[in-house]
PDB file of N, CA and C in Angstrom:
ATOM      1  N   MET A   1      67.360  44.447 -11.661  1.00  0.00           N
ATOM      2  CA  MET A   1      66.296  45.379 -11.374  1.00  0.00           C
ATOM      3  C   MET A   1      65.025  44.585 -11.071  1.00  0.00           C
ATOM      4  N   ALA A   2      64.488  44.750  -9.896  1.00  0.00           N
ATOM      5  CA  ALA A   2      63.291  44.028  -9.483  1.00  0.00           C
ATOM      6  C   ALA A   2      62.036  44.758  -9.931  1.00  0.00           C
ATOM      7  N   TYR A   3      60.931  44.059  -9.857  1.00  0.00           N
ATOM      8  CA  TYR A   3      59.639  44.659 -10.157  1.00  0.00           C
ATOM      9  C   TYR A   3      59.020  45.188  -8.869  1.00  0.00           C
ATOM     10  N   LYS A   4      58.084  46.113  -9.026  1.00  0.00           N
ATOM     11  CA  LYS A   4      57.432  46.754  -7.888  1.00  0.00           C
ATOM     12  C   LYS A   4      55.933  46.779  -8.145  1.00  0.00           C
ATOM     13  N   ILE A   5      55.156  46.577  -7.099  1.00  0.00           N
ATOM     14  CA  ILE A   5      53.706  46.644  -7.206  1.00  0.00           C
ATOM     15  C   ILE A   5      53.263  48.023  -6.729  1.00  0.00           C
ATOM     16  N   THR A   6      52.548  48.724  -7.580  1.00  0.00           N
ATOM     17  CA  THR A   6      52.127  50.094  -7.281  1.00  0.00           C
ATOM     18  C   THR A   6      50.815  50.111  -6.490  1.00  0.00           C
ATOM     19  N   ASP A   7      50.380  51.303  -6.142  1.00  0.00           N
ATOM     20  CA  ASP A   7      49.126  51.476  -5.407  1.00  0.00           C
ATOM     21  C   ASP A   7      47.904  51.135  -6.256  1.00  0.00           C
ATOM     22  N   ASP A   8      48.101  50.873  -7.544  1.00  0.00           N
ATOM     23  CA  ASP A   8      46.997  50.463  -8.416  1.00  0.00           C
ATOM     24  C   ASP A   8      46.591  49.011  -8.174  1.00  0.00           C
ATOM     25  N   CYS A   9      47.351  48.304  -7.347  1.00  0.00           N
ATOM     26  CA  CYS A   9      47.067  46.896  -7.033  1.00  0.00           C
ATOM     27  C   CYS A   9      45.706  46.781  -6.359  1.00  0.00           C
ATOM     28  N   ILE A  10      44.900  45.826  -6.846  1.00  0.00           N
ATOM     29  CA  ILE A  10      43.584  45.573  -6.260  1.00  0.00           C
ATOM     30  C   ILE A  10      43.579  44.265  -5.457  1.00  0.00           C
ATOM     31  N   ALA A  11      44.762  43.708  -5.220  1.00  0.00           N
ATOM     32  CA  ALA A  11      44.947  42.497  -4.418  1.00  0.00           C
ATOM     33  C   ALA A  11      44.115  41.321  -4.937  1.00  0.00           C
ATOM     34  N   CYS A  12      44.104  41.142  -6.255  1.00  0.00           N
ATOM     35  CA  CYS A  12      43.327  40.054  -6.856  1.00  0.00           C
ATOM     36  C   CYS A  12      44.067  38.714  -6.787  1.00  0.00           C
ATOM     37  N   GLY A  13      45.397  38.750  -6.672  1.00  0.00           N
ATOM     38  CA  GLY A  13      46.183  37.527  -6.557  1.00  0.00           C
ATOM     39  C   GLY A  13      46.626  36.922  -7.872  1.00  0.00           C
ATOM     40  N   SER A  14      46.317  37.547  -8.979  1.00  0.00           N
ATOM     41  CA  SER A  14      46.701  36.999 -10.287  1.00  0.00           C
ATOM     42  C   SER A  14      48.212  36.831 -10.417  1.00  0.00           C
ATOM     43  N   CYS A  15      48.958  37.714  -9.817  1.00  0.00           N
ATOM     44  CA  CYS A  15      50.417  37.711  -9.943  1.00  0.00           C
ATOM     45  C   CYS A  15      51.080  36.579  -9.158  1.00  0.00           C
ATOM     46  N   THR A  16      50.501  36.205  -8.024  1.00  0.00           N
ATOM     47  CA  THR A  16      51.157  35.227  -7.150  1.00  0.00           C
ATOM     48  C   THR A  16      51.301  33.862  -7.814  1.00  0.00           C
ATOM     49  N   ASP A  17      50.317  33.447  -8.574  1.00  0.00           N
ATOM     50  CA  ASP A  17      50.377  32.146  -9.248  1.00  0.00           C
ATOM     51  C   ASP A  17      51.418  32.121 -10.356  1.00  0.00           C
ATOM     52  N   GLU A  18      51.754  33.265 -10.909  1.00  0.00           N
ATOM     53  CA  GLU A  18      52.688  33.341 -12.034  1.00  0.00           C
ATOM     54  C   GLU A  18      54.147  33.480 -11.612  1.00  0.00           C
ATOM     55  N   CYS A  19      54.403  33.822 -10.355  1.00  0.00           N
ATOM     56  CA  CYS A  19      55.774  34.059  -9.891  1.00  0.00           C
ATOM     57  C   CYS A  19      56.510  32.739  -9.659  1.00  0.00           C
ATOM     58  N   PRO A  20      57.569  32.458 -10.447  1.00  0.00           N
ATOM     59  CA  PRO A  20      58.293  31.193 -10.301  1.00  0.00           C
ATOM     60  C   PRO A  20      59.159  31.120  -9.046  1.00  0.00           C
ATOM     61  N   SER A  21      59.428  32.259  -8.412  1.00  0.00           N
ATOM     62  CA  SER A  21      60.283  32.250  -7.225  1.00  0.00           C
ATOM     63  C   SER A  21      59.510  32.548  -5.942  1.00  0.00           C
ATOM     64  N   ASP A  22      58.197  32.606  -6.021  1.00  0.00           N
ATOM     65  CA  ASP A  22      57.345  32.897  -4.859  1.00  0.00           C
ATOM     66  C   ASP A  22      57.784  34.159  -4.133  1.00  0.00           C
ATOM     67  N   ALA A  23      58.141  35.190  -4.895  1.00  0.00           N
ATOM     68  CA  ALA A  23      58.623  36.443  -4.318  1.00  0.00           C
ATOM     69  C   ALA A  23      57.499  37.405  -3.968  1.00  0.00           C
ATOM     70  N   ILE A  24      56.268  37.064  -4.304  1.00  0.00           N
ATOM     71  CA  ILE A  24      55.142  37.967  -4.069  1.00  0.00           C
ATOM     72  C   ILE A  24      54.376  37.524  -2.833  1.00  0.00           C
ATOM     73  N   ILE A  25      54.187  38.477  -1.912  1.00  0.00           N
ATOM     74  CA  ILE A  25      53.475  38.184  -0.673  1.00  0.00           C
ATOM     75  C   ILE A  25      52.343  39.182  -0.486  1.00  0.00           C
ATOM     76  N   SER A  26      51.381  38.810   0.315  1.00  0.00           N
ATOM     77  CA  SER A  26      50.261  39.688   0.600  1.00  0.00           C
ATOM     78  C   SER A  26      50.685  40.725   1.624  1.00  0.00           C
ATOM     79  N   GLY A  27      50.488  41.997   1.287  1.00  0.00           N
ATOM     80  CA  GLY A  27      50.801  43.081   2.202  1.00  0.00           C
ATOM     81  C   GLY A  27      49.548  43.531   2.929  1.00  0.00           C
ATOM     82  N   ASP A  28      49.596  44.703   3.543  1.00  0.00           N
ATOM     83  CA  ASP A  28      48.456  45.209   4.298  1.00  0.00           C
ATOM     84  C   ASP A  28      47.238  45.462   3.418  1.00  0.00           C
ATOM     85  N   ASP A  29      47.443  46.181   2.308  1.00  0.00           N
ATOM     86  CA  ASP A  29      46.313  46.491   1.435  1.00  0.00           C
ATOM     87  C   ASP A  29      46.593  46.204  -0.033  1.00  0.00           C
ATOM     88  N   LYS A  30      47.781  45.675  -0.315  1.00  0.00           N
ATOM     89  CA  LYS A  30      48.154  45.279  -1.668  1.00  0.00           C
ATOM     90  C   LYS A  30      49.242  44.217  -1.569  1.00  0.00           C
ATOM     91  N   TYR A  31      49.547  43.600  -2.682  1.00  0.00           N
ATOM     92  CA  TYR A  31      50.621  42.618  -2.691  1.00  0.00           C
ATOM     93  C   TYR A  31      51.968  43.325  -2.776  1.00  0.00           C
ATOM     94  N   GLU A  32      53.021  42.643  -2.339  1.00  0.00           N
ATOM     95  CA  GLU A  32      54.364  43.206  -2.361  1.00  0.00           C
ATOM     96  C   GLU A  32      55.324  42.183  -2.953  1.00  0.00           C
ATOM     97  N   ILE A  33      56.411  42.675  -3.553  1.00  0.00           N
ATOM     98  CA  ILE A  33      57.429  41.807  -4.142  1.00  0.00           C
ATOM     99  C   ILE A  33      58.709  41.912  -3.328  1.00  0.00           C
ATOM    100  N   ASN A  34      59.229  40.773  -2.906  1.00  0.00           N
ATOM    101  CA  ASN A  34      60.515  40.736  -2.216  1.00  0.00           C
ATOM    102  C   ASN A  34      61.598  40.870  -3.281  1.00  0.00           C
ATOM    103  N   ALA A  35      62.259  42.009  -3.316  1.00  0.00           N
ATOM    104  CA  ALA A  35      63.249  42.307  -4.357  1.00  0.00           C
ATOM    105  C   ALA A  35      64.422  41.326  -4.349  1.00  0.00           C
ATOM    106  N   ASP A  36      64.750  40.773  -3.189  1.00  0.00           N
ATOM    107  CA  ASP A  36      65.868  39.833  -3.100  1.00  0.00           C
ATOM    108  C   ASP A  36      65.543  38.494  -3.758  1.00  0.00           C
ATOM    109  N   GLU A  37      64.263  38.157  -3.829  1.00  0.00           N
ATOM    110  CA  GLU A  37      63.839  36.887  -4.421  1.00  0.00           C
ATOM    111  C   GLU A  37      63.350  37.016  -5.854  1.00  0.00           C
ATOM    112  N   CYS A  38      63.083  38.236  -6.293  1.00  0.00           N
ATOM    113  CA  CYS A  38      62.560  38.482  -7.634  1.00  0.00           C
ATOM    114  C   CYS A  38      63.597  38.112  -8.693  1.00  0.00           C
ATOM    115  N   LEU A  39      63.150  37.362  -9.712  1.00  0.00           N
ATOM    116  CA  LEU A  39      64.032  36.919 -10.797  1.00  0.00           C
ATOM    117  C   LEU A  39      64.018  37.877 -11.987  1.00  0.00           C
ATOM    118  N   ASP A  40      63.241  38.940 -11.901  1.00  0.00           N
ATOM    119  CA  ASP A  40      63.113  39.916 -12.984  1.00  0.00           C
ATOM    120  C   ASP A  40      62.585  39.301 -14.277  1.00  0.00           C
ATOM    121  N   CYS A  41      61.733  38.309 -14.156  1.00  0.00           N
ATOM    122  CA  CYS A  41      61.236  37.632 -15.348  1.00  0.00           C
ATOM    123  C   CYS A  41      60.048  38.361 -15.983  1.00  0.00           C
ATOM    124  N   GLY A  42      59.300  39.141 -15.188  1.00  0.00           N
ATOM    125  CA  GLY A  42      58.161  39.880 -15.718  1.00  0.00           C
ATOM    126  C   GLY A  42      56.865  39.101 -15.802  1.00  0.00           C
ATOM    127  N   SER A  43      56.864  37.863 -15.346  1.00  0.00           N
ATOM    128  CA  SER A  43      55.639  37.053 -15.407  1.00  0.00           C
ATOM    129  C   SER A  43      54.505  37.690 -14.619  1.00  0.00           C
ATOM    130  N   CYS A  44      54.839  38.273 -13.494  1.00  0.00           N
ATOM    131  CA  CYS A  44      53.811  38.895 -12.660  1.00  0.00           C
ATOM    132  C   CYS A  44      53.201  40.108 -13.363  1.00  0.00           C
ATOM    133  N   ALA A  45      54.033  40.907 -14.001  1.00  0.00           N
ATOM    134  CA  ALA A  45      53.552  42.097 -14.700  1.00  0.00           C
ATOM    135  C   ALA A  45      52.635  41.706 -15.855  1.00  0.00           C
ATOM    136  N   ASP A  46      52.990  40.640 -16.551  1.00  0.00           N
ATOM    137  CA  ASP A  46      52.156  40.177 -17.659  1.00  0.00           C
ATOM    138  C   ASP A  46      50.795  39.667 -17.173  1.00  0.00           C
ATOM    139  N   ALA A  47      50.760  39.114 -15.959  1.00  0.00           N
ATOM    140  CA  ALA A  47      49.527  38.540 -15.437  1.00  0.00           C
ATOM    141  C   ALA A  47      48.619  39.556 -14.762  1.00  0.00           C
ATOM    142  N   CYS A  48      49.144  40.726 -14.441  1.00  0.00           N
ATOM    143  CA  CYS A  48      48.361  41.717 -13.695  1.00  0.00           C
ATOM    144  C   CYS A  48      47.296  42.358 -14.587  1.00  0.00           C
ATOM    145  N   PRO A  49      46.016  42.206 -14.217  1.00  0.00           N
ATOM    146  CA  PRO A  49      44.946  42.780 -15.046  1.00  0.00           C
ATOM    147  C   PRO A  49      44.827  44.302 -14.893  1.00  0.00           C
ATOM    148  N   ASN A  50      45.504  44.852 -13.900  1.00  0.00           N
ATOM    149  CA  ASN A  50      45.381  46.285 -13.609  1.00  0.00           C
ATOM    150  C   ASN A  50      46.651  47.065 -13.944  1.00  0.00           C
ATOM    151  N   ASP A  51      47.621  46.406 -14.553  1.00  0.00           N
ATOM    152  CA  ASP A  51      48.915  47.027 -14.886  1.00  0.00           C
ATOM    153  C   ASP A  51      49.551  47.711 -13.678  1.00  0.00           C
ATOM    154  N   ALA A  52      49.446  47.052 -12.519  1.00  0.00           N
ATOM    155  CA  ALA A  52      49.950  47.623 -11.271  1.00  0.00           C
ATOM    156  C   ALA A  52      51.373  47.197 -10.951  1.00  0.00           C
ATOM    157  N   ILE A  53      51.992  46.402 -11.832  1.00  0.00           N
ATOM    158  CA  ILE A  53      53.361  45.933 -11.581  1.00  0.00           C
ATOM    159  C   ILE A  53      54.290  46.527 -12.629  1.00  0.00           C
ATOM    160  N   VAL A  54      55.316  47.219 -12.135  1.00  0.00           N
ATOM    161  CA  VAL A  54      56.253  47.927 -13.021  1.00  0.00           C
ATOM    162  C   VAL A  54      57.685  47.572 -12.627  1.00  0.00           C
ATOM    163  N   SER A  55      58.592  47.705 -13.568  1.00  0.00           N
ATOM    164  CA  SER A  55      60.001  47.477 -13.241  1.00  0.00           C
ATOM    165  C   SER A  55      60.563  48.730 -12.596  1.00  0.00           C
ATOM    166  N   GLU A  56      61.418  48.522 -11.619  1.00  0.00           N
ATOM    167  CA  GLU A  56      62.016  49.661 -10.896  1.00  0.00           C
ATOM    168  C   GLU A  56      63.209  50.186 -11.633  1.00  0.00           C
TER     169      GLU A  56
END
């Protein structure tokens, strides 16, 4: 089960530095997680100051 970035994302970039598989990319107005590369570790969710990352 991969993680998902919700519309609460403020595109601060805190999550990208924490992702060990570089699965997080910058989208049009928020960051996005490539589900195929996500390791389901939760590091990004822990780093998000806005609680915008949830497990699917």
